[in-house]
C-alpha cells in the first residue's frame, strides 16, 4: 500500500513538470508585445512557452531567479564581421574578423548579421566554416562585391559588382542571406549602391550602406532621398565622416528626409564610426537611431566600441531609457532584417533570452577619437539562453550552491536546459 502511494505521488509530481526552464521574477522588456513589467518566462523544447505574472516553480525542471534583473529577448546585432576562418591578412574575409561565439553570448547577443564580409564568390565557404559551426545564430548581408570585404583591390573594382550571381546566391539561401551590403567604395560613381539595390529589389531584401569615401559626386542627401528604398539601412549614422551633420551642427536634411521615406538608421559603432560630437547634437535634435549595432571586428573590440553591451551603455549615458535601448537592440533590428520571429518573447518564438543587470557606479565611455564621456550606469550580462539552453552564466545563477551538493558531485546541469561544461557530463 505504501509503495503504491509513493508511486502515485511520484508520478503526479513528475506530471506537473511542464517546462524545461523558468526565468522568474525579472523585469521583462519585450517591445513587440508592449511588455515592460515584472513577469515570469517559461521555456519548453527551445521555444517560449508562457509569459505571465506568476508561474509555479514546481512546473519547471529548472528555475532561475531573475529578481532585480532585466529579462529581454536575445540581443540582435546586425552589423558584425565574423568571417574569421580564412587566414587572409588585412581582410574582413580573414584576420580582421572575429569568431562569433567568444564575443556574442557573453554579451547577451544570440543573433548577429555579418555585414558583407563575404560576397557571392566566398559566401558558401563562410557558411561552411562559420555559420554552420557557431552556437550564435549567424545571418549575413551579402557583399555586392563578389570577393567580399577584402580591401580596396576588390572593393573599388566595379567589375566585381555583378548583379546576376549575387541574386542567384541570395535566392539560394533565403532567410540566411538577409540583405545586400555595399561598403568602403572610394570612387565617385553610384555603381555599388545601384547594383546593391537592384539585387535587393530582385530578392526582396534590404540593402545596408557603409557609404565609403565622402565624394561630392555622390552626396549623402541624394543617397538617402533618391537612391535607397524604404527599409534600406544606413549604418555608421553617427560617424560624421559623410556630412551627417552640416557645418553649423544641424542634422543633414537628407537624413531627416530619408527617415521620412522609411530609410533605417543604424549605429554601426565600429572603430571609426561613432563620435560624441556627432551623436550628442543629433540626439538633441531628436535624431535617434532605429537600431544599435557594434560593427564588431578585431580592432573595434579593443577600442572604444568593445562590445554590444558597452555600446548600449553609451546610450544610457546619453539619457535614453533602458527599455528604449533594449527595443533598439532586439525587436527593431529583428524587423529590419525581416526575421520577426526573433527579438521578442512571444509564445512559440525561439527561446533566445538575455538576463541583464544595470550596474551603478562610475564608468567611462570612449568614442572613435578617444574622447571619454562619464556615465553612472552600465549593462552587464548575467545569463544568456540560446534555443532554450543556458549558454552563458556570469555568476552561476543557474547553478546549485556548492553547499547543497554531495561530496562526490559530478555534472549538475541537465541537457534539457543546459549546454555548459559538456566535457564534464556523465556518459
Protein backbone atom coordinates (compact mmCIF):
# COMPACT_ATOMS: atom_id res chain seq x y z
CA UNK A 1 0.00 0.00 0.00
CA UNK A 2 2.78 2.43 0.95
CA UNK A 3 4.71 1.57 -2.23
CA UNK A 4 1.62 2.17 -4.37
CA UNK A 5 1.02 5.54 -2.68
CA UNK A 6 4.67 6.52 -3.22
CA UNK A 7 4.48 5.63 -6.90
CA UNK A 8 1.24 7.59 -7.28
CA UNK A 9 2.67 10.71 -5.61
CA UNK A 10 5.90 10.43 -7.63
CA UNK A 11 4.04 10.10 -10.91
CA UNK A 12 1.85 13.09 -10.02
CA UNK A 13 4.86 15.28 -9.21
CA UNK A 14 6.56 14.29 -12.47
CA UNK A 15 3.46 15.09 -14.49
CA UNK A 16 3.44 18.65 -13.11
CA UNK A 17 6.78 19.49 -14.75
CA UNK A 18 5.69 21.28 -17.93
CA UNK A 19 8.71 23.45 -18.64
CA UNK A 20 12.43 22.93 -19.10
CA UNK A 21 13.47 26.33 -17.77
CA UNK A 22 11.72 29.09 -15.82
CA UNK A 23 13.11 32.63 -15.56
CA UNK A 24 11.33 34.00 -12.53
CA UNK A 25 10.60 37.47 -11.21
CA UNK A 26 12.60 39.54 -13.70
CA UNK A 27 11.72 42.85 -15.30
CA UNK A 28 10.63 41.65 -18.73
CA UNK A 29 11.07 44.08 -21.63
CA UNK A 30 9.52 42.89 -24.89
CA UNK A 31 8.90 45.74 -27.34
CA UNK A 32 6.89 43.67 -29.80
CA UNK A 33 4.35 42.70 -27.17
CA UNK A 34 4.45 46.07 -25.35
CA UNK A 35 5.53 44.28 -22.18
CA UNK A 36 7.51 46.22 -19.59
CA UNK A 37 6.75 44.61 -16.23
CA UNK A 38 7.77 42.07 -13.63
CA UNK A 39 6.90 38.69 -15.16
CA UNK A 40 7.95 35.07 -15.40
CA UNK A 41 9.15 33.46 -18.64
CA UNK A 42 8.84 29.70 -19.16
CA UNK A 43 10.66 27.73 -21.86
CA UNK A 44 9.96 24.31 -23.31
CA UNK A 45 11.68 22.45 -26.18
CA UNK A 46 13.63 25.52 -27.28
CA UNK A 47 10.58 27.79 -27.52
CA UNK A 48 8.96 30.41 -25.33
CA UNK A 49 6.08 28.51 -23.70
CA UNK A 50 4.49 31.06 -21.35
CA UNK A 51 4.96 34.63 -20.14
CA UNK A 52 2.79 35.63 -17.20
CA UNK A 53 2.79 37.32 -13.81
CA UNK A 54 3.43 34.19 -11.79
CA UNK A 55 4.37 30.66 -12.84
CA UNK A 56 4.77 27.94 -10.22
CA UNK A 57 8.44 26.84 -9.98
CA UNK A 58 7.19 23.29 -9.40
CA UNK A 59 6.14 23.22 -13.06
CA UNK A 60 9.72 23.72 -14.28
CA UNK A 61 12.69 21.38 -14.39
CA UNK A 62 14.99 24.34 -13.63
CA UNK A 63 14.16 27.76 -12.16
CA UNK A 64 16.47 30.78 -12.36
CA UNK A 65 15.69 33.70 -10.06
CA UNK A 66 15.87 36.96 -12.02
CA UNK A 67 14.58 39.42 -9.42
CA UNK A 68 16.14 42.85 -9.90
CA UNK A 69 17.34 41.97 -13.41
CA UNK A 70 16.08 42.69 -16.92
CA UNK A 71 14.82 39.71 -18.88
CA UNK A 72 14.89 40.54 -22.58
CA UNK A 73 14.80 38.81 -25.93
CA UNK A 74 18.24 37.71 -27.05
CA UNK A 75 20.08 40.75 -28.41
CA UNK A 76 20.28 41.08 -32.20
CA UNK A 77 23.43 42.76 -33.57
CA UNK A 78 23.00 43.41 -37.29
CA UNK A 79 26.49 44.74 -38.03
CA UNK A 80 29.41 42.43 -37.24
CA UNK A 81 32.36 40.87 -39.05
CA UNK A 82 32.80 37.19 -38.21
CA UNK A 83 34.28 35.57 -41.33
CA UNK A 84 37.42 34.72 -39.37
CA UNK A 85 38.38 31.35 -40.80
CA UNK A 86 40.36 32.10 -43.97
CA UNK A 87 43.66 33.28 -42.53
CA UNK A 88 43.86 36.12 -45.05
CA UNK A 89 45.79 39.07 -43.66
CA UNK A 90 44.34 42.59 -43.58
CA UNK A 91 40.92 41.34 -44.67
CA UNK A 92 37.43 41.22 -43.19
CA UNK A 93 37.19 37.92 -45.02
CA UNK A 94 40.04 36.86 -42.77
CA UNK A 95 42.10 38.22 -39.91
CA UNK A 96 40.08 41.40 -39.31
CA UNK A 97 37.02 39.29 -38.43
CA UNK A 98 36.36 37.50 -35.14
CA UNK A 99 34.88 34.09 -34.40
CA UNK A 100 31.43 34.99 -33.08
CA UNK A 101 30.79 32.80 -30.04
CA UNK A 102 33.57 34.32 -27.94
CA UNK A 103 32.19 37.85 -28.34
CA UNK A 104 28.42 37.40 -28.54
CA UNK A 105 26.94 35.03 -25.96
CA UNK A 106 28.76 36.61 -23.02
CA UNK A 107 27.13 39.90 -24.01
CA UNK A 108 23.59 38.57 -24.35
CA UNK A 109 23.80 38.54 -28.14
CA UNK A 110 22.17 35.46 -29.65
CA UNK A 111 21.84 36.61 -33.28
CA UNK A 112 24.26 38.52 -35.50
CA UNK A 113 24.27 39.57 -39.12
CA UNK A 114 27.66 39.63 -40.76
CA UNK A 115 27.80 42.89 -42.69
CA UNK A 116 29.24 41.96 -46.06
CA UNK A 117 32.45 40.16 -45.16
CA UNK A 118 31.64 37.68 -47.94
CA UNK A 119 30.27 38.05 -51.46
CA UNK A 120 28.76 35.51 -53.82
CA UNK A 121 32.20 34.00 -54.55
CA UNK A 122 33.00 33.05 -50.96
CA UNK A 123 29.69 33.06 -49.08
CA UNK A 124 29.45 29.26 -49.10
CA UNK A 125 32.91 28.99 -47.57
CA UNK A 126 31.76 31.43 -44.87
CA UNK A 127 28.66 29.32 -44.34
CA UNK A 128 30.59 26.07 -44.02
CA UNK A 129 33.29 27.31 -41.67
CA UNK A 130 31.46 29.88 -39.53
CA UNK A 131 27.68 29.93 -39.90
CA UNK A 132 27.16 26.18 -39.68
CA UNK A 133 29.57 25.75 -36.74
CA UNK A 134 28.52 28.62 -34.47
CA UNK A 135 26.30 28.44 -31.43
CA UNK A 136 25.37 32.06 -32.15
CA UNK A 137 22.77 32.41 -34.91
CA UNK A 138 24.78 33.94 -37.76
CA UNK A 139 22.94 35.58 -40.67
CA UNK A 140 24.54 37.59 -43.46
CA UNK A 141 24.39 40.64 -45.64
CA UNK A 142 25.95 39.50 -48.91
CA UNK A 143 28.52 41.97 -50.24
CA UNK A 144 27.75 43.34 -53.70
CA UNK A 145 31.48 42.80 -54.29
CA UNK A 146 31.78 39.16 -55.31
CA UNK A 147 35.03 38.60 -53.42
CA UNK A 148 33.66 40.21 -50.27
CA UNK A 149 35.33 42.69 -47.96
CA UNK A 150 38.94 42.01 -48.85
CA UNK A 151 40.34 45.51 -49.24
CA UNK A 152 40.49 48.25 -51.90
CA UNK A 153 41.76 45.94 -54.66
CA UNK A 154 38.37 44.25 -54.65
CA UNK A 155 36.05 46.82 -53.07
CA UNK A 156 36.87 49.53 -55.61
CA UNK A 157 36.66 47.21 -58.61
CA UNK A 158 33.30 47.72 -60.34
CA UNK A 159 33.84 44.51 -62.31
CA UNK A 160 33.42 42.67 -59.01
CA UNK A 161 29.92 44.15 -58.51
CA UNK A 162 27.93 41.65 -60.54
CA UNK A 163 24.17 41.63 -60.14
CA UNK A 164 23.10 38.24 -61.54
CA UNK A 165 25.34 35.94 -59.46
CA UNK A 166 24.56 37.93 -56.31
CA UNK A 167 20.85 37.44 -56.95
CA UNK A 168 21.39 33.74 -57.53
CA UNK A 169 23.31 33.28 -54.29
CA UNK A 170 20.82 35.30 -52.24
CA UNK A 171 17.92 33.28 -53.63
CA UNK A 172 19.76 30.04 -52.87
CA UNK A 173 19.87 30.87 -49.16
CA UNK A 174 16.65 32.72 -48.27
CA UNK A 175 16.42 33.73 -44.64
CA UNK A 176 20.14 33.17 -44.18
CA UNK A 177 21.24 35.90 -46.58
CA UNK A 178 19.09 38.69 -45.14
CA UNK A 179 20.40 41.66 -47.11
CA UNK A 180 22.96 43.13 -49.51
CA UNK A 181 25.89 45.24 -48.34
CA UNK A 182 27.88 47.93 -50.07
CA UNK A 183 30.89 49.30 -48.24
CA UNK A 184 34.14 51.26 -48.43
CA UNK A 185 33.85 52.35 -52.06
CA UNK A 186 36.24 55.21 -52.80
CA UNK A 187 35.17 56.15 -56.34
CA UNK A 188 32.75 58.87 -57.48
CA UNK A 189 30.24 56.53 -59.16
CA UNK A 190 26.93 55.25 -57.76
CA UNK A 191 27.60 51.77 -59.15
CA UNK A 192 27.91 49.80 -55.87
CA UNK A 193 24.75 51.37 -54.42
CA UNK A 194 22.73 50.97 -57.60
CA UNK A 195 23.81 47.37 -58.11
CA UNK A 196 23.12 46.51 -54.48
CA UNK A 197 19.64 47.99 -54.74
CA UNK A 198 18.97 46.01 -57.93
CA UNK A 199 19.83 42.80 -56.10
CA UNK A 200 17.75 43.87 -53.12
CA UNK A 201 14.75 44.53 -55.34
CA UNK A 202 15.07 41.19 -57.13
CA UNK A 203 15.27 39.19 -53.90
CA UNK A 204 13.07 41.32 -51.65
CA UNK A 205 15.73 42.05 -49.02
CA UNK A 206 17.21 45.30 -47.64
CA UNK A 207 20.46 46.98 -48.60
CA UNK A 208 22.89 48.14 -45.92
CA UNK A 209 25.18 51.00 -46.90
CA UNK A 210 28.56 51.90 -45.43
CA UNK A 211 29.00 54.89 -47.71
CA UNK A 212 32.76 54.74 -48.08
CA UNK A 213 34.68 57.86 -49.08
CA UNK A 214 32.87 61.19 -48.89
CA UNK A 215 32.65 62.28 -52.54
CA UNK A 216 30.90 65.43 -53.80
CA UNK A 217 29.70 63.49 -56.86
CA UNK A 218 27.55 61.25 -54.62
CA UNK A 219 26.35 63.26 -51.63
CA UNK A 220 24.59 61.66 -48.69
CA UNK A 221 21.33 63.54 -49.26
CA UNK A 222 20.95 62.02 -52.74
CA UNK A 223 21.72 58.57 -51.33
CA UNK A 224 19.04 58.86 -48.66
CA UNK A 225 16.34 60.67 -50.62
CA UNK A 226 16.70 59.10 -54.06
CA UNK A 227 18.88 56.01 -54.20
CA UNK A 228 17.81 53.94 -51.19
CA UNK A 229 14.36 52.43 -50.71
CA UNK A 230 12.17 52.35 -47.61
CA UNK A 231 13.60 49.61 -45.40
CA UNK A 232 17.17 50.01 -46.63
CA UNK A 233 19.71 50.67 -43.88
CA UNK A 234 22.21 53.48 -43.49
CA UNK A 235 24.82 52.26 -40.99
CA UNK A 236 27.51 54.36 -39.25
CA UNK A 237 24.87 57.07 -38.88
CA UNK A 238 26.87 58.97 -36.20
CA UNK A 239 30.31 58.88 -37.81
CA UNK A 240 30.27 62.48 -39.02
CA UNK A 241 32.54 61.42 -41.87
CA UNK A 242 29.98 61.86 -44.65
CA UNK A 243 28.25 65.10 -43.70
CA UNK A 244 25.73 63.53 -41.32
CA UNK A 245 25.95 66.92 -39.62
CA UNK A 246 26.25 70.17 -41.55
CA UNK A 247 28.89 72.77 -40.78
CA UNK A 248 26.51 74.56 -38.40
CA UNK A 249 25.86 71.38 -36.41
CA UNK A 250 22.46 70.56 -37.85
CA UNK A 251 21.40 67.05 -38.86
CA UNK A 252 21.74 66.79 -42.64
CA UNK A 253 18.35 67.31 -44.26
CA UNK A 254 18.93 64.14 -46.26
CA UNK A 255 18.92 62.15 -43.03
CA UNK A 256 15.64 63.72 -41.93
CA UNK A 257 14.01 63.30 -45.34
CA UNK A 258 15.44 59.80 -45.69
CA UNK A 259 13.88 58.77 -42.39
CA UNK A 260 10.55 60.22 -43.51
CA UNK A 261 10.82 58.00 -46.62
CA UNK A 262 11.44 54.92 -44.45
CA UNK A 263 15.23 54.60 -44.62
CA UNK A 264 16.56 52.98 -41.43
CA UNK A 265 19.44 54.45 -39.43
CA UNK A 266 21.75 52.02 -37.64
CA UNK A 267 24.57 52.85 -35.22
CA UNK A 268 27.34 50.55 -36.56
CA UNK A 269 29.79 51.90 -33.97
CA UNK A 270 32.98 50.21 -35.15
CA UNK A 271 36.45 51.57 -34.61
CA UNK A 272 35.84 54.79 -36.52
CA UNK A 273 32.13 55.49 -36.83
CA UNK A 274 30.88 56.95 -33.55
CA UNK A 275 31.75 60.43 -32.29
CA UNK A 276 30.25 62.19 -29.26
CA UNK A 277 30.42 65.49 -31.14
CA UNK A 278 28.08 63.99 -33.75
CA UNK A 279 25.74 61.79 -31.75
CA UNK A 280 25.04 64.33 -28.99
CA UNK A 281 23.85 67.13 -31.30
CA UNK A 282 21.88 64.61 -33.35
CA UNK A 283 20.07 63.27 -30.29
CA UNK A 284 19.44 66.83 -29.06
CA UNK A 285 17.69 67.47 -32.39
CA UNK A 286 15.59 64.32 -31.96
CA UNK A 287 17.51 62.15 -34.41
CA UNK A 288 17.68 58.80 -32.59
CA UNK A 289 18.95 55.52 -34.06
CA UNK A 290 16.50 52.89 -35.21
CA UNK A 291 18.88 50.08 -34.22
CA UNK A 292 22.01 49.71 -32.14
CA UNK A 293 24.84 47.61 -33.57
CA UNK A 294 28.54 47.18 -32.96
CA UNK A 295 30.46 46.75 -36.23
CA UNK A 296 32.40 44.14 -34.27
CA UNK A 297 35.87 43.34 -35.61
CA UNK A 298 39.43 42.83 -34.42
CA UNK A 299 40.21 46.49 -33.68
CA UNK A 300 36.83 47.87 -32.59
CA UNK A 301 36.55 45.19 -29.90
CA UNK A 302 39.69 46.56 -28.23
CA UNK A 303 38.98 50.25 -28.81
CA UNK A 304 36.06 52.50 -27.89
CA UNK A 305 33.39 50.09 -29.11
CA UNK A 306 34.34 46.98 -27.08
CA UNK A 307 31.08 45.01 -27.28
CA UNK A 308 27.31 45.25 -27.68
CA UNK A 309 26.60 45.99 -24.03
CA UNK A 310 29.20 48.76 -23.97
CA UNK A 311 27.53 50.42 -26.97
CA UNK A 312 24.12 50.06 -25.33
CA UNK A 313 25.56 51.54 -22.13
CA UNK A 314 26.70 54.60 -24.05
CA UNK A 315 23.08 55.34 -24.81
CA UNK A 316 22.26 55.05 -21.10
CA UNK A 317 24.92 57.71 -20.53
CA UNK A 318 23.28 59.80 -23.27
CA UNK A 319 19.93 59.68 -21.47
CA UNK A 320 17.95 57.01 -23.30
CA UNK A 321 15.87 54.68 -21.16
CA UNK A 322 16.80 51.04 -20.71
CA UNK A 323 13.58 49.82 -22.33
CA UNK A 324 14.13 52.01 -25.41
CA UNK A 325 17.73 50.80 -25.73
CA UNK A 326 16.60 47.19 -25.41
CA UNK A 327 13.98 47.70 -28.14
CA UNK A 328 16.66 49.14 -30.43
CA UNK A 329 18.81 46.06 -29.73
CA UNK A 330 16.13 43.37 -30.11
CA UNK A 331 12.80 43.92 -31.85
CA UNK A 332 13.84 46.83 -34.09
CA UNK A 333 16.81 45.05 -35.72
CA UNK A 334 14.85 41.79 -36.00
CA UNK A 335 12.21 43.62 -38.05
CA UNK A 336 14.83 45.41 -40.12
CA UNK A 337 16.29 42.10 -41.32
CA UNK A 338 12.82 40.55 -41.83
CA UNK A 339 13.20 37.98 -39.03
CA UNK A 340 10.21 38.87 -36.92
CA UNK A 341 10.31 35.53 -35.14
CA UNK A 342 13.37 36.95 -33.33
CA UNK A 343 13.77 39.85 -30.93
CA UNK A 344 10.64 39.05 -28.91
CA UNK A 345 9.27 36.72 -26.24
CA UNK A 346 6.02 35.71 -27.90
CA UNK A 347 4.77 32.21 -27.11
CA UNK A 348 6.22 29.93 -29.77
CA UNK A 349 9.18 32.21 -30.54
CA UNK A 350 12.72 30.78 -30.37
CA UNK A 351 13.79 30.81 -26.72
CA UNK A 352 16.68 33.22 -27.10
CA UNK A 353 16.76 35.27 -23.90
CA UNK A 354 19.18 37.64 -22.20
CA UNK A 355 19.21 38.43 -18.49
CA UNK A 356 20.85 41.81 -17.97
CA UNK A 357 21.82 43.83 -14.93
CA UNK A 358 22.18 47.61 -14.91
CA UNK A 359 25.14 48.22 -12.65
CA UNK A 360 25.51 51.56 -10.87
CA UNK A 361 28.91 53.15 -10.50
CA UNK A 362 31.45 55.37 -12.19
CA UNK A 363 32.18 54.39 -15.78
CA UNK A 364 33.92 55.91 -18.79
CA UNK A 365 32.81 55.52 -22.39
CA UNK A 366 35.14 56.39 -25.25
CA UNK A 367 34.32 57.41 -28.83
CA UNK A 368 36.21 56.89 -32.08
CA UNK A 369 38.58 59.77 -31.34
CA UNK A 370 39.37 58.73 -27.76
CA UNK A 371 37.15 61.30 -26.04
CA UNK A 372 35.63 60.00 -22.79
CA UNK A 373 32.08 60.56 -21.59
CA UNK A 374 31.46 59.65 -17.95
CA UNK A 375 28.40 57.63 -17.02
CA UNK A 376 26.85 56.12 -13.91
CA UNK A 377 25.16 53.03 -15.37
CA UNK A 378 26.35 50.05 -17.37
CA UNK A 379 24.66 46.96 -18.79
CA UNK A 380 26.10 43.64 -17.61
CA UNK A 381 25.01 40.23 -18.92
CA UNK A 382 24.20 37.77 -16.15
CA UNK A 383 22.81 34.91 -18.26
CA UNK A 384 22.22 34.08 -21.91
CA UNK A 385 19.80 31.46 -23.20
CA UNK A 386 20.05 30.32 -26.81
CA UNK A 387 17.46 27.94 -28.18
CA UNK A 388 16.14 27.23 -24.70
CA UNK A 389 19.50 26.33 -23.18
CA UNK A 390 21.88 28.25 -20.94
CA UNK A 391 24.95 29.18 -22.98
CA UNK A 392 26.49 31.79 -20.65
CA UNK A 393 26.16 32.33 -16.91
CA UNK A 394 28.35 35.05 -15.40
CA UNK A 395 27.70 34.41 -11.71
CA UNK A 396 26.30 30.90 -11.80
CA UNK A 397 22.70 31.95 -11.15
CA UNK A 398 21.50 28.80 -12.94
CA UNK A 399 23.71 26.58 -10.76
CA UNK A 400 23.18 24.96 -7.35
CA UNK A 401 25.07 26.26 -4.33
CA UNK A 402 28.13 24.14 -3.58
CA UNK A 403 26.90 23.67 -0.01
CA UNK A 404 23.79 21.91 -1.28
CA UNK A 405 25.71 19.27 -3.22
CA UNK A 406 27.04 15.89 -2.06
CA UNK A 407 30.77 15.47 -1.61
CA UNK A 408 31.08 13.36 -4.77
CA UNK A 409 29.01 15.67 -7.02
CA UNK A 410 29.57 15.44 -10.77
CA UNK A 411 27.77 17.28 -13.58
CA UNK A 412 24.98 19.39 -12.06
CA UNK A 413 23.19 20.56 -15.21
CA UNK A 414 20.69 18.87 -17.48
CA UNK A 415 20.86 18.75 -21.29
CA UNK A 416 17.23 19.83 -21.45
CA UNK A 417 18.16 23.36 -20.28
CA UNK A 418 21.95 23.44 -20.21
CA UNK A 419 24.89 23.44 -22.64
CA UNK A 420 27.68 24.46 -20.24
CA UNK A 421 30.61 22.17 -19.40
CA UNK A 422 29.67 19.40 -21.85
CA UNK A 423 33.05 17.71 -21.45
CA UNK A 424 32.29 17.10 -17.76
CA UNK A 425 28.94 15.43 -18.21
CA UNK A 426 28.46 11.90 -17.11
CA UNK A 427 28.38 9.38 -20.01
